[in-house]
């Protein structure tokens, strides 16, 4: 079942996208999914929490997140 997460924005925050998509995949395919998104024209925004969480953006700057549950591999 898909989840929708709504969060409050700071009043002084610059305008930006209203939501982002989080895609949950198996830990062993995170690199392949991110590579496919980058090959399709996306950009890497933040992979400091990879492979559990990788932020990517499309050509317009809209962000998405590739997530994996890495708790079983820790």
C-alpha atoms as a PDB file:
ATOM      1  CA  UNK A   1       0.000   0.000   0.000  1.00  0.00           C
ATOM      2  CA  UNK A   2       1.576   3.345  -0.996  1.00  0.00           C
ATOM      3  CA  UNK A   3       2.122   5.911   1.735  1.00  0.00           C
ATOM      4  CA  UNK A   4       1.751   9.674   1.380  1.00  0.00           C
ATOM      5  CA  UNK A   5       3.722  11.844   3.791  1.00  0.00           C
ATOM      6  CA  UNK A   6       2.724  15.467   4.289  1.00  0.00           C
ATOM      7  CA  UNK A   7       5.061  17.815   6.095  1.00  0.00           C
ATOM      8  CA  UNK A   8       4.883  21.457   7.117  1.00  0.00           C
ATOM      9  CA  UNK A   9       6.994  23.999   5.251  1.00  0.00           C
ATOM     10  CA  UNK A  10       8.732  26.916   6.911  1.00  0.00           C
ATOM     11  CA  UNK A  11       7.004  30.195   6.084  1.00  0.00           C
ATOM     12  CA  UNK A  12      10.308  31.709   4.959  1.00  0.00           C
ATOM     13  CA  UNK A  13      11.350  28.715   2.849  1.00  0.00           C
ATOM     14  CA  UNK A  14      11.793  29.328  -0.874  1.00  0.00           C
ATOM     15  CA  UNK A  15       9.101  27.825  -3.109  1.00  0.00           C
ATOM     16  CA  UNK A  16       9.832  24.254  -4.125  1.00  0.00           C
ATOM     17  CA  UNK A  17       8.093  21.071  -5.088  1.00  0.00           C
ATOM     18  CA  UNK A  18       5.216  20.079  -2.846  1.00  0.00           C
ATOM     19  CA  UNK A  19       6.007  16.365  -2.608  1.00  0.00           C
ATOM     20  CA  UNK A  20       8.583  13.814  -3.621  1.00  0.00           C
ATOM     21  CA  UNK A  21       8.324  10.155  -4.455  1.00  0.00           C
ATOM     22  CA  UNK A  22      10.110   7.533  -2.401  1.00  0.00           C
ATOM     23  CA  UNK A  23      10.666   4.236  -4.182  1.00  0.00           C
ATOM     24  CA  UNK A  24      11.484   1.257  -1.974  1.00  0.00           C
ATOM     25  CA  UNK A  25      13.584  -1.459  -3.565  1.00  0.00           C
ATOM     26  CA  UNK A  26      15.621  -4.454  -2.405  1.00  0.00           C
ATOM     27  CA  UNK A  27      19.089  -3.418  -1.177  1.00  0.00           C
ATOM     28  CA  UNK A  28      20.793  -5.455  -3.899  1.00  0.00           C
ATOM     29  CA  UNK A  29      19.201  -3.401  -6.717  1.00  0.00           C
ATOM     30  CA  UNK A  30      19.670   0.139  -5.350  1.00  0.00           C
ATOM     31  CA  UNK A  31      22.768   0.805  -7.455  1.00  0.00           C
ATOM     32  CA  UNK A  32      21.059  -0.450 -10.622  1.00  0.00           C
ATOM     33  CA  UNK A  33      17.947   1.686 -10.047  1.00  0.00           C
ATOM     34  CA  UNK A  34      19.978   4.820  -9.322  1.00  0.00           C
ATOM     35  CA  UNK A  35      22.160   4.171 -12.388  1.00  0.00           C
ATOM     36  CA  UNK A  36      19.030   3.818 -14.540  1.00  0.00           C
ATOM     37  CA  UNK A  37      17.641   7.117 -13.241  1.00  0.00           C
ATOM     38  CA  UNK A  38      20.934   8.888 -13.923  1.00  0.00           C
ATOM     39  CA  UNK A  39      21.149   7.361 -17.411  1.00  0.00           C
ATOM     40  CA  UNK A  40      17.653   8.706 -18.101  1.00  0.00           C
ATOM     41  CA  UNK A  41      18.848  12.265 -17.392  1.00  0.00           C
ATOM     42  CA  UNK A  42      18.531  12.499 -13.630  1.00  0.00           C
ATOM     43  CA  UNK A  43      21.143  13.915 -11.307  1.00  0.00           C
ATOM     44  CA  UNK A  44      22.500  12.652  -8.027  1.00  0.00           C
ATOM     45  CA  UNK A  45      21.597  15.018  -5.172  1.00  0.00           C
ATOM     46  CA  UNK A  46      22.769  13.089  -2.087  1.00  0.00           C
ATOM     47  CA  UNK A  47      24.084   9.579  -1.593  1.00  0.00           C
ATOM     48  CA  UNK A  48      25.630  10.093   1.845  1.00  0.00           C
ATOM     49  CA  UNK A  49      23.172   7.550   3.328  1.00  0.00           C
ATOM     50  CA  UNK A  50      23.470   5.021   0.492  1.00  0.00           C
ATOM     51  CA  UNK A  51      22.404   2.361  -0.009  1.00  0.00           C
ATOM     52  CA  UNK A  52      19.544   2.971   2.427  1.00  0.00           C
ATOM     53  CA  UNK A  53      18.596   6.340   0.990  1.00  0.00           C
ATOM     54  CA  UNK A  54      19.691   8.024  -2.254  1.00  0.00           C
ATOM     55  CA  UNK A  55      18.213  11.347  -3.374  1.00  0.00           C
ATOM     56  CA  UNK A  56      17.991  11.984  -7.104  1.00  0.00           C
ATOM     57  CA  UNK A  57      16.449  14.800  -9.158  1.00  0.00           C
ATOM     58  CA  UNK A  58      14.956  15.109 -12.619  1.00  0.00           C
ATOM     59  CA  UNK A  59      15.867  17.771 -15.185  1.00  0.00           C
ATOM     60  CA  UNK A  60      13.471  20.243 -13.532  1.00  0.00           C
ATOM     61  CA  UNK A  61      14.954  19.738 -10.066  1.00  0.00           C
ATOM     62  CA  UNK A  62      12.082  17.650  -8.710  1.00  0.00           C
ATOM     63  CA  UNK A  63      13.497  15.226  -6.193  1.00  0.00           C
ATOM     64  CA  UNK A  64      12.847  11.578  -5.597  1.00  0.00           C
ATOM     65  CA  UNK A  65      14.342   9.072  -3.195  1.00  0.00           C
ATOM     66  CA  UNK A  66      15.436   5.495  -3.742  1.00  0.00           C
ATOM     67  CA  UNK A  67      15.155   3.705  -0.396  1.00  0.00           C
ATOM     68  CA  UNK A  68      16.135   0.244   0.795  1.00  0.00           C
ATOM     69  CA  UNK A  69      15.707  -1.471   4.139  1.00  0.00           C
ATOM     70  CA  UNK A  70      19.287  -2.253   5.090  1.00  0.00           C
ATOM     71  CA  UNK A  71      18.549  -3.288   8.697  1.00  0.00           C
ATOM     72  CA  UNK A  72      18.887  -6.991   7.890  1.00  0.00           C
ATOM     73  CA  UNK A  73      22.329  -6.460   6.340  1.00  0.00           C
ATOM     74  CA  UNK A  74      23.767  -4.430   9.231  1.00  0.00           C
END
